[in-house]
Amino acid sequence: MQEKMGSRWEKEKVPWISWTTVSQRAKYQKRNRKNKNERLILKTKKMKYYFNKTLNEDFDKVIEKVTEELKNEGFGILTEIDVKETLKKKLDVDFKKYKILGACNPPYAHKALEAEDKIGTMLPCNVIVQEIEEGTVEVAAVNPMASMQAVENEQLKEVAEEITNRLEHVIDKL
């Protein structure tokens, strides 16, 4: 009798959240026909955390182009970190040409900070320029929408969408 009651309780009284499962093959949401409380979670495609483009140009020329395109979209460069130089100085190791540009669009940064005061932990928007091999340079920019998925704030989402569009435009124009 106890066993029967235990089974019945498990099937009828346990909230559906307790029965949630993940199926790697699920493409569509569906219910388990044996247990109406059990749901399969949709497998979602992960959003890329960056946008990138590879150019067949000189490293320094690419830095100039990126800086100019960022300026055209309302961004200024707050920081420029020369990773190659820093690693040589701090660790005495040789590294490829690699710079991190800290880009900021002040009006949107202000909107983001007004909407979410801790968002400064994710500012500025980083853009990297790295030499893959002589004459081949990759430029990559952070995807603000991917960065801000964990923050539940509709006002911030609007700002992130606009900055994402602007950074994608920078990369596309190179």
N, C-alpha and C. Protein backbone atom coordinates (compact mmCIF):
# COMPACT_ATOMS: atom_id res chain seq x y z
N MET A 1 0.83 -1.19 0.00
CA MET A 1 0.00 0.00 0.00
C MET A 1 0.87 1.26 0.00
N GLN A 2 1.90 1.26 0.85
CA GLN A 2 2.79 2.42 0.90
C GLN A 2 3.45 2.64 -0.46
N GLU A 3 3.89 1.58 -1.10
CA GLU A 3 4.56 1.69 -2.38
C GLU A 3 3.63 2.30 -3.42
N LYS A 4 2.38 1.87 -3.41
CA LYS A 4 1.42 2.40 -4.36
C LYS A 4 1.17 3.88 -4.10
N MET A 5 1.03 4.27 -2.87
CA MET A 5 0.79 5.67 -2.52
C MET A 5 2.02 6.51 -2.89
N GLY A 6 3.19 5.96 -2.65
CA GLY A 6 4.41 6.69 -2.98
C GLY A 6 4.50 6.95 -4.47
N SER A 7 4.17 5.94 -5.27
CA SER A 7 4.20 6.10 -6.72
C SER A 7 3.17 7.13 -7.18
N ARG A 8 1.99 7.02 -6.61
CA ARG A 8 0.93 7.95 -6.98
C ARG A 8 1.33 9.37 -6.60
N TRP A 9 1.86 9.56 -5.41
CA TRP A 9 2.29 10.89 -4.96
C TRP A 9 3.34 11.43 -5.92
N GLU A 10 4.30 10.59 -6.30
CA GLU A 10 5.35 11.03 -7.21
C GLU A 10 4.76 11.50 -8.54
N LYS A 11 3.78 10.79 -9.04
CA LYS A 11 3.21 11.14 -10.34
C LYS A 11 2.30 12.37 -10.27
N GLU A 12 1.58 12.56 -9.20
CA GLU A 12 0.56 13.60 -9.16
C GLU A 12 0.94 14.83 -8.35
N LYS A 13 1.76 14.71 -7.35
CA LYS A 13 1.98 15.83 -6.43
C LYS A 13 3.29 16.59 -6.66
N VAL A 14 4.26 16.00 -7.31
CA VAL A 14 5.55 16.66 -7.49
C VAL A 14 5.41 17.73 -8.57
N PRO A 15 5.82 18.95 -8.29
CA PRO A 15 5.72 20.01 -9.30
C PRO A 15 6.52 19.65 -10.55
N TRP A 16 6.07 20.19 -11.71
CA TRP A 16 6.71 19.84 -12.97
C TRP A 16 8.18 20.23 -12.99
N ILE A 17 8.55 21.23 -12.24
CA ILE A 17 9.95 21.67 -12.23
C ILE A 17 10.87 20.56 -11.74
N SER A 18 10.36 19.73 -10.81
CA SER A 18 11.16 18.62 -10.32
C SER A 18 11.40 17.57 -11.39
N TRP A 19 10.54 17.56 -12.39
CA TRP A 19 10.62 16.54 -13.42
C TRP A 19 11.29 17.03 -14.70
N THR A 20 11.78 18.24 -14.67
CA THR A 20 12.39 18.81 -15.87
C THR A 20 13.62 18.02 -16.27
N THR A 21 13.72 17.70 -17.54
CA THR A 21 14.89 16.98 -18.05
C THR A 21 15.43 17.71 -19.26
N VAL A 22 16.62 17.36 -19.66
CA VAL A 22 17.23 17.95 -20.83
C VAL A 22 17.45 16.86 -21.87
N SER A 23 17.09 17.13 -23.09
CA SER A 23 17.34 16.22 -24.18
C SER A 23 18.23 16.91 -25.19
N GLN A 24 19.38 16.37 -25.46
CA GLN A 24 20.30 16.97 -26.41
C GLN A 24 19.75 16.92 -27.83
N ARG A 25 18.80 16.03 -28.08
CA ARG A 25 18.26 15.89 -29.43
C ARG A 25 16.97 16.68 -29.64
N ALA A 26 16.44 17.28 -28.59
CA ALA A 26 15.16 17.98 -28.71
C ALA A 26 15.30 19.21 -29.59
N LYS A 27 14.47 19.28 -30.61
CA LYS A 27 14.44 20.46 -31.46
C LYS A 27 13.18 21.26 -31.19
N TYR A 28 12.17 20.62 -30.69
CA TYR A 28 10.91 21.28 -30.42
C TYR A 28 10.47 20.92 -29.00
N GLN A 29 9.77 21.86 -28.38
CA GLN A 29 9.26 21.56 -27.05
C GLN A 29 8.16 20.52 -27.18
N LYS A 30 8.21 19.51 -26.33
CA LYS A 30 7.18 18.49 -26.36
C LYS A 30 7.00 17.93 -24.95
N ARG A 31 5.87 17.35 -24.71
CA ARG A 31 5.61 16.74 -23.41
C ARG A 31 5.83 15.25 -23.49
N ASN A 32 6.27 14.70 -22.39
CA ASN A 32 6.40 13.26 -22.26
C ASN A 32 4.98 12.71 -22.11
N ARG A 33 4.58 11.79 -22.96
CA ARG A 33 3.21 11.28 -22.95
C ARG A 33 2.92 10.43 -21.71
N LYS A 34 3.93 9.85 -21.09
CA LYS A 34 3.72 9.01 -19.92
C LYS A 34 3.51 9.85 -18.66
N ASN A 35 4.10 11.05 -18.63
CA ASN A 35 4.00 11.89 -17.44
C ASN A 35 3.80 13.33 -17.89
N LYS A 36 2.62 13.86 -17.70
CA LYS A 36 2.30 15.21 -18.18
C LYS A 36 3.13 16.29 -17.47
N ASN A 37 3.67 15.99 -16.32
CA ASN A 37 4.46 16.97 -15.58
C ASN A 37 5.88 17.11 -16.13
N GLU A 38 6.34 16.13 -16.87
CA GLU A 38 7.71 16.16 -17.37
C GLU A 38 7.78 16.94 -18.67
N ARG A 39 8.73 17.86 -18.77
CA ARG A 39 8.93 18.63 -20.00
C ARG A 39 10.38 18.50 -20.44
N LEU A 40 10.57 18.55 -21.72
CA LEU A 40 11.92 18.55 -22.26
C LEU A 40 12.31 19.99 -22.55
N ILE A 41 13.50 20.37 -22.16
CA ILE A 41 13.98 21.73 -22.40
C ILE A 41 14.52 21.82 -23.81
N LEU A 42 14.21 22.92 -24.50
CA LEU A 42 14.72 23.12 -25.84
C LEU A 42 16.23 23.29 -25.82
N LYS A 43 16.88 22.69 -26.79
CA LYS A 43 18.31 22.92 -26.96
C LYS A 43 18.44 24.21 -27.75
N THR A 44 19.16 25.15 -27.20
CA THR A 44 19.31 26.43 -27.88
C THR A 44 20.73 26.60 -28.36
N LYS A 45 20.86 27.31 -29.46
CA LYS A 45 22.17 27.59 -30.01
C LYS A 45 22.80 28.71 -29.20
N LYS A 46 24.05 28.52 -28.80
CA LYS A 46 24.73 29.55 -28.03
C LYS A 46 25.05 30.74 -28.92
N MET A 47 24.89 31.91 -28.35
CA MET A 47 25.22 33.14 -29.06
C MET A 47 26.74 33.33 -29.01
N LYS A 48 27.32 33.69 -30.15
CA LYS A 48 28.74 33.95 -30.19
C LYS A 48 29.06 35.18 -29.36
N TYR A 49 30.14 35.16 -28.61
CA TYR A 49 30.46 36.28 -27.73
C TYR A 49 31.29 37.35 -28.42
N TYR A 50 31.54 37.20 -29.72
CA TYR A 50 32.30 38.20 -30.46
C TYR A 50 31.90 38.20 -31.93
N PHE A 51 32.26 39.30 -32.60
CA PHE A 51 32.15 39.41 -34.06
C PHE A 51 33.58 39.54 -34.56
N ASN A 52 33.91 38.97 -35.69
CA ASN A 52 35.28 39.07 -36.16
C ASN A 52 35.38 39.13 -37.67
N LYS A 53 36.55 39.56 -38.10
CA LYS A 53 36.85 39.63 -39.53
C LYS A 53 38.36 39.53 -39.67
N THR A 54 38.80 38.83 -40.71
CA THR A 54 40.23 38.69 -40.99
C THR A 54 40.56 39.53 -42.22
N LEU A 55 41.64 40.30 -42.10
CA LEU A 55 42.06 41.20 -43.16
C LEU A 55 43.47 40.86 -43.61
N ASN A 56 43.76 41.05 -44.87
CA ASN A 56 45.11 40.85 -45.40
C ASN A 56 45.77 42.22 -45.53
N GLU A 57 46.18 42.77 -44.40
CA GLU A 57 46.77 44.10 -44.34
C GLU A 57 47.82 44.16 -43.24
N ASP A 58 48.51 45.29 -43.21
CA ASP A 58 49.52 45.56 -42.20
C ASP A 58 48.83 45.80 -40.84
N PHE A 59 49.42 45.28 -39.78
CA PHE A 59 48.86 45.39 -38.44
C PHE A 59 48.57 46.84 -38.05
N ASP A 60 49.54 47.72 -38.21
CA ASP A 60 49.37 49.12 -37.80
C ASP A 60 48.29 49.83 -38.62
N LYS A 61 48.19 49.49 -39.90
CA LYS A 61 47.13 50.07 -40.75
C LYS A 61 45.76 49.61 -40.27
N VAL A 62 45.67 48.36 -39.85
CA VAL A 62 44.40 47.84 -39.35
C VAL A 62 44.01 48.56 -38.07
N ILE A 63 44.96 48.82 -37.19
CA ILE A 63 44.68 49.57 -35.95
C ILE A 63 44.08 50.93 -36.31
N GLU A 64 44.67 51.60 -37.29
CA GLU A 64 44.17 52.91 -37.72
C GLU A 64 42.76 52.80 -38.29
N LYS A 65 42.52 51.79 -39.12
CA LYS A 65 41.19 51.60 -39.72
C LYS A 65 40.13 51.32 -38.64
N VAL A 66 40.48 50.46 -37.71
CA VAL A 66 39.54 50.11 -36.64
C VAL A 66 39.21 51.35 -35.82
N THR A 67 40.24 52.10 -35.46
CA THR A 67 40.04 53.32 -34.66
C THR A 67 39.14 54.30 -35.41
N GLU A 68 39.36 54.46 -36.70
CA GLU A 68 38.55 55.37 -37.52
C GLU A 68 37.11 54.90 -37.61
N GLU A 69 36.89 53.61 -37.85
CA GLU A 69 35.53 53.08 -37.95
C GLU A 69 34.80 53.17 -36.61
N LEU A 70 35.51 52.94 -35.52
CA LEU A 70 34.89 53.10 -34.20
C LEU A 70 34.46 54.56 -34.00
N LYS A 71 35.33 55.47 -34.38
CA LYS A 71 35.02 56.91 -34.27
C LYS A 71 33.78 57.24 -35.09
N ASN A 72 33.67 56.69 -36.30
CA ASN A 72 32.50 56.93 -37.15
C ASN A 72 31.20 56.46 -36.51
N GLU A 73 31.29 55.49 -35.63
CA GLU A 73 30.10 54.96 -34.94
C GLU A 73 29.92 55.56 -33.55
N GLY A 74 30.71 56.60 -33.24
CA GLY A 74 30.53 57.31 -31.96
C GLY A 74 31.35 56.78 -30.81
N PHE A 75 32.32 55.90 -31.08
CA PHE A 75 33.17 55.33 -30.02
C PHE A 75 34.50 56.07 -29.95
N GLY A 76 34.98 56.22 -28.74
CA GLY A 76 36.34 56.69 -28.53
C GLY A 76 37.13 55.55 -27.91
N ILE A 77 38.46 55.61 -28.02
CA ILE A 77 39.31 54.59 -27.41
C ILE A 77 39.76 55.09 -26.05
N LEU A 78 39.30 54.43 -24.99
CA LEU A 78 39.67 54.81 -23.62
C LEU A 78 41.01 54.19 -23.22
N THR A 79 41.21 52.95 -23.69
CA THR A 79 42.44 52.24 -23.34
C THR A 79 42.98 51.53 -24.57
N GLU A 80 44.29 51.37 -24.60
CA GLU A 80 44.93 50.59 -25.64
C GLU A 80 46.01 49.76 -24.95
N ILE A 81 45.78 48.47 -24.90
CA ILE A 81 46.72 47.57 -24.22
C ILE A 81 47.51 46.82 -25.28
N ASP A 82 48.80 46.97 -25.24
CA ASP A 82 49.69 46.24 -26.14
C ASP A 82 50.09 44.96 -25.41
N VAL A 83 49.40 43.88 -25.72
CA VAL A 83 49.61 42.61 -25.03
C VAL A 83 51.02 42.07 -25.29
N LYS A 84 51.50 42.19 -26.50
CA LYS A 84 52.85 41.72 -26.85
C LYS A 84 53.89 42.39 -25.96
N GLU A 85 53.79 43.71 -25.86
CA GLU A 85 54.73 44.49 -25.05
C GLU A 85 54.61 44.16 -23.56
N THR A 86 53.38 44.05 -23.10
CA THR A 86 53.14 43.75 -21.68
C THR A 86 53.67 42.38 -21.29
N LEU A 87 53.43 41.38 -22.13
CA LEU A 87 53.92 40.03 -21.81
C LEU A 87 55.45 39.97 -21.85
N LYS A 88 56.05 40.72 -22.75
CA LYS A 88 57.51 40.76 -22.82
C LYS A 88 58.07 41.40 -21.54
N LYS A 89 57.48 42.50 -21.16
CA LYS A 89 57.94 43.25 -19.97
C LYS A 89 57.71 42.48 -18.67
N LYS A 90 56.53 41.89 -18.52
CA LYS A 90 56.18 41.23 -17.26
C LYS A 90 56.67 39.80 -17.14
N LEU A 91 56.67 39.07 -18.25
CA LEU A 91 57.00 37.64 -18.20
C LEU A 91 58.21 37.26 -19.04
N ASP A 92 58.75 38.22 -19.78
CA ASP A 92 59.87 37.99 -20.69
C ASP A 92 59.55 36.86 -21.68
N VAL A 93 58.31 36.93 -22.24
CA VAL A 93 57.93 35.96 -23.27
C VAL A 93 57.60 36.71 -24.56
N ASP A 94 57.87 36.05 -25.67
CA ASP A 94 57.54 36.62 -26.97
C ASP A 94 56.12 36.21 -27.32
N PHE A 95 55.38 37.15 -27.86
CA PHE A 95 53.99 36.92 -28.24
C PHE A 95 53.72 37.65 -29.54
N LYS A 96 52.73 37.22 -30.26
CA LYS A 96 52.37 37.88 -31.52
C LYS A 96 51.86 39.30 -31.26
N LYS A 97 51.78 40.10 -32.31
CA LYS A 97 51.21 41.44 -32.20
C LYS A 97 49.74 41.29 -31.82
N TYR A 98 49.37 41.93 -30.72
CA TYR A 98 48.02 41.75 -30.17
C TYR A 98 47.69 42.99 -29.34
N LYS A 99 46.68 43.72 -29.73
CA LYS A 99 46.26 44.90 -28.98
C LYS A 99 44.78 44.78 -28.60
N ILE A 100 44.48 45.27 -27.42
CA ILE A 100 43.10 45.34 -26.93
C ILE A 100 42.73 46.82 -26.86
N LEU A 101 41.70 47.18 -27.61
CA LEU A 101 41.22 48.55 -27.61
C LEU A 101 39.96 48.61 -26.77
N GLY A 102 39.96 49.45 -25.76
CA GLY A 102 38.78 49.65 -24.92
C GLY A 102 37.94 50.76 -25.51
N ALA A 103 36.86 50.40 -26.23
CA ALA A 103 36.04 51.38 -26.93
C ALA A 103 34.82 51.77 -26.10
N CYS A 104 34.51 53.07 -26.13
CA CYS A 104 33.36 53.56 -25.37
C CYS A 104 32.56 54.54 -26.21
N ASN A 105 31.25 54.37 -26.20
CA ASN A 105 30.33 55.32 -26.81
C ASN A 105 29.65 56.02 -25.63
N PRO A 106 30.11 57.23 -25.27
CA PRO A 106 29.65 57.89 -24.04
C PRO A 106 28.14 57.99 -23.84
N PRO A 107 27.35 58.40 -24.85
CA PRO A 107 25.91 58.48 -24.60
C PRO A 107 25.29 57.12 -24.23
N TYR A 108 25.73 56.07 -24.90
CA TYR A 108 25.19 54.75 -24.60
C TYR A 108 25.74 54.18 -23.29
N ALA A 109 26.98 54.50 -22.99
CA ALA A 109 27.54 54.08 -21.69
C ALA A 109 26.74 54.73 -20.57
N HIS A 110 26.40 56.00 -20.74
CA HIS A 110 25.61 56.71 -19.73
C HIS A 110 24.23 56.06 -19.57
N LYS A 111 23.57 55.75 -20.69
CA LYS A 111 22.26 55.08 -20.63
C LYS A 111 22.36 53.73 -19.93
N ALA A 112 23.41 52.99 -20.25
CA ALA A 112 23.59 51.67 -19.64
C ALA A 112 23.80 51.79 -18.13
N LEU A 113 24.62 52.75 -17.72
CA LEU A 113 24.88 52.94 -16.28
C LEU A 113 23.64 53.44 -15.54
N GLU A 114 22.82 54.25 -16.21
CA GLU A 114 21.56 54.70 -15.60
C GLU A 114 20.60 53.52 -15.43
N ALA A 115 20.60 52.62 -16.38
CA ALA A 115 19.70 51.47 -16.34
C ALA A 115 20.16 50.41 -15.35
N GLU A 116 21.47 50.27 -15.19
CA GLU A 116 22.05 49.19 -14.36
C GLU A 116 23.40 49.66 -13.84
N ASP A 117 23.47 50.05 -12.57
CA ASP A 117 24.70 50.66 -12.07
C ASP A 117 25.90 49.72 -12.00
N LYS A 118 25.69 48.41 -11.97
CA LYS A 118 26.82 47.46 -11.92
C LYS A 118 27.34 47.09 -13.31
N ILE A 119 26.71 47.62 -14.35
CA ILE A 119 27.10 47.27 -15.72
C ILE A 119 28.50 47.78 -16.05
N GLY A 120 28.99 48.69 -15.24
CA GLY A 120 30.36 49.17 -15.43
C GLY A 120 31.39 48.05 -15.35
N THR A 121 31.03 46.94 -14.76
CA THR A 121 31.94 45.78 -14.72
C THR A 121 32.17 45.22 -16.11
N MET A 122 31.28 45.55 -17.07
CA MET A 122 31.39 45.03 -18.43
C MET A 122 31.81 46.11 -19.43
N LEU A 123 32.18 47.27 -18.94
CA LEU A 123 32.59 48.36 -19.81
C LEU A 123 34.10 48.56 -19.72
N PRO A 124 34.77 49.09 -20.73
CA PRO A 124 34.25 49.44 -22.04
C PRO A 124 34.12 48.19 -22.91
N CYS A 125 33.65 48.41 -24.14
CA CYS A 125 33.53 47.31 -25.11
C CYS A 125 34.92 47.05 -25.68
N ASN A 126 35.41 45.85 -25.52
CA ASN A 126 36.75 45.53 -26.02
C ASN A 126 36.73 45.09 -27.48
N VAL A 127 37.72 45.59 -28.19
CA VAL A 127 37.96 45.21 -29.58
C VAL A 127 39.41 44.76 -29.63
N ILE A 128 39.66 43.57 -30.17
CA ILE A 128 41.04 43.10 -30.26
C ILE A 128 41.51 43.14 -31.71
N VAL A 129 42.80 43.39 -31.85
CA VAL A 129 43.44 43.32 -33.16
C VAL A 129 44.65 42.42 -32.95
N GLN A 130 44.71 41.31 -33.69
CA GLN A 130 45.83 40.39 -33.52
C GLN A 130 46.37 39.95 -34.87
N GLU A 131 47.69 39.82 -34.92
CA GLU A 131 48.33 39.36 -36.14
C GLU A 131 48.36 37.84 -36.13
N ILE A 132 47.66 37.25 -37.09
CA ILE A 132 47.61 35.79 -37.20
C ILE A 132 48.93 35.30 -37.80
N GLU A 133 49.37 35.97 -38.84
CA GLU A 133 50.67 35.75 -39.46
C GLU A 133 50.99 37.05 -40.18
N GLU A 134 52.21 37.20 -40.62
CA GLU A 134 52.59 38.45 -41.28
C GLU A 134 51.63 38.76 -42.44
N GLY A 135 51.01 39.94 -42.37
CA GLY A 135 50.08 40.36 -43.42
C GLY A 135 48.65 39.87 -43.24
N THR A 136 48.39 39.08 -42.21
CA THR A 136 47.04 38.59 -41.92
C THR A 136 46.68 39.00 -40.50
N VAL A 137 45.64 39.83 -40.40
CA VAL A 137 45.25 40.39 -39.11
C VAL A 137 43.78 40.12 -38.85
N GLU A 138 43.48 39.68 -37.64
CA GLU A 138 42.09 39.46 -37.24
C GLU A 138 41.65 40.58 -36.31
N VAL A 139 40.43 41.06 -36.54
CA VAL A 139 39.80 42.04 -35.66
C VAL A 139 38.57 41.37 -35.08
N ALA A 140 38.40 41.48 -33.77
CA ALA A 140 37.22 40.91 -33.12
C ALA A 140 36.70 41.90 -32.09
N ALA A 141 35.39 42.01 -32.02
CA ALA A 141 34.74 42.89 -31.04
C ALA A 141 33.79 42.07 -30.19
N VAL A 142 33.69 42.45 -28.95
CA VAL A 142 32.77 41.79 -28.03
C VAL A 142 31.34 41.94 -28.54
N ASN A 143 30.51 40.94 -28.30
CA ASN A 143 29.09 41.01 -28.61
C ASN A 143 28.36 41.40 -27.32
N PRO A 144 27.95 42.65 -27.20
CA PRO A 144 27.29 43.09 -25.96
C PRO A 144 26.03 42.30 -25.62
N MET A 145 25.30 41.83 -26.62
CA MET A 145 24.08 41.05 -26.34
C MET A 145 24.44 39.74 -25.63
N ALA A 146 25.52 39.12 -26.04
CA ALA A 146 25.95 37.88 -25.38
C ALA A 146 26.43 38.18 -23.97
N SER A 147 27.15 39.27 -23.80
CA SER A 147 27.67 39.64 -22.48
C SER A 147 26.56 39.92 -21.49
N MET A 148 25.48 40.48 -21.97
CA MET A 148 24.44 40.96 -21.06
C MET A 148 23.25 40.02 -20.92
N GLN A 149 23.38 38.78 -21.41
CA GLN A 149 22.30 37.81 -21.29
C GLN A 149 21.95 37.53 -19.83
N ALA A 150 22.93 37.61 -18.96
CA ALA A 150 22.70 37.29 -17.56
C ALA A 150 21.98 38.42 -16.81
N VAL A 151 21.94 39.61 -17.41
CA VAL A 151 21.34 40.76 -16.75
C VAL A 151 19.89 40.90 -17.23
N GLU A 152 18.97 40.81 -16.31
CA GLU A 152 17.56 40.91 -16.66
C GLU A 152 17.10 42.35 -16.47
N ASN A 153 17.21 43.13 -17.56
CA ASN A 153 16.84 44.54 -17.50
C ASN A 153 16.48 44.97 -18.92
N GLU A 154 15.22 45.27 -19.15
CA GLU A 154 14.74 45.61 -20.50
C GLU A 154 15.39 46.87 -21.04
N GLN A 155 15.59 47.89 -20.18
CA GLN A 155 16.23 49.13 -20.64
C GLN A 155 17.65 48.83 -21.11
N LEU A 156 18.35 48.00 -20.40
CA LEU A 156 19.71 47.65 -20.75
C LEU A 156 19.74 46.84 -22.05
N LYS A 157 18.75 46.01 -22.23
CA LYS A 157 18.68 45.20 -23.46
C LYS A 157 18.62 46.09 -24.69
N GLU A 158 17.86 47.18 -24.62
CA GLU A 158 17.76 48.11 -25.74
C GLU A 158 19.12 48.75 -26.05
N VAL A 159 19.83 49.15 -25.02
CA VAL A 159 21.16 49.75 -25.19
C VAL A 159 22.11 48.71 -25.79
N ALA A 160 22.07 47.50 -25.27
CA ALA A 160 22.96 46.44 -25.76
C ALA A 160 22.68 46.14 -27.23
N GLU A 161 21.41 46.14 -27.62
CA GLU A 161 21.07 45.89 -29.03
C GLU A 161 21.67 46.97 -29.94
N GLU A 162 21.56 48.23 -29.52
CA GLU A 162 22.09 49.33 -30.33
C GLU A 162 23.61 49.26 -30.43
N ILE A 163 24.27 49.01 -29.32
CA ILE A 163 25.74 48.92 -29.33
C ILE A 163 26.18 47.71 -30.15
N THR A 164 25.45 46.61 -30.04
CA THR A 164 25.75 45.43 -30.85
C THR A 164 25.69 45.78 -32.33
N ASN A 165 24.64 46.47 -32.73
CA ASN A 165 24.51 46.87 -34.13
C ASN A 165 25.66 47.76 -34.58
N ARG A 166 26.06 48.68 -33.73
CA ARG A 166 27.15 49.60 -34.08
C ARG A 166 28.48 48.86 -34.19
N LEU A 167 28.75 47.95 -33.27
CA LEU A 167 30.01 47.19 -33.34
C LEU A 167 30.02 46.24 -34.54
N GLU A 168 28.90 45.62 -34.84
CA GLU A 168 28.82 44.77 -36.03
C GLU A 168 29.10 45.61 -37.29
N HIS A 169 28.57 46.82 -37.30
CA HIS A 169 28.78 47.71 -38.44
C HIS A 169 30.27 48.06 -38.58
N VAL A 170 30.94 48.30 -37.46
CA VAL A 170 32.39 48.58 -37.49
C VAL A 170 33.12 47.43 -38.14
N ILE A 171 32.84 46.22 -37.68
CA ILE A 171 33.53 45.04 -38.21
C ILE A 171 33.21 44.84 -39.69
N ASP A 172 31.96 45.02 -40.06
CA ASP A 172 31.55 44.87 -41.46
C ASP A 172 32.25 45.86 -42.39
N LYS A 173 32.47 47.07 -41.90
CA LYS A 173 33.05 48.12 -42.74
C LYS A 173 34.56 47.97 -42.97
N LEU A 174 35.21 47.12 -42.20
CA LEU A 174 36.66 46.96 -42.34
C LEU A 174 37.04 46.30 -43.66
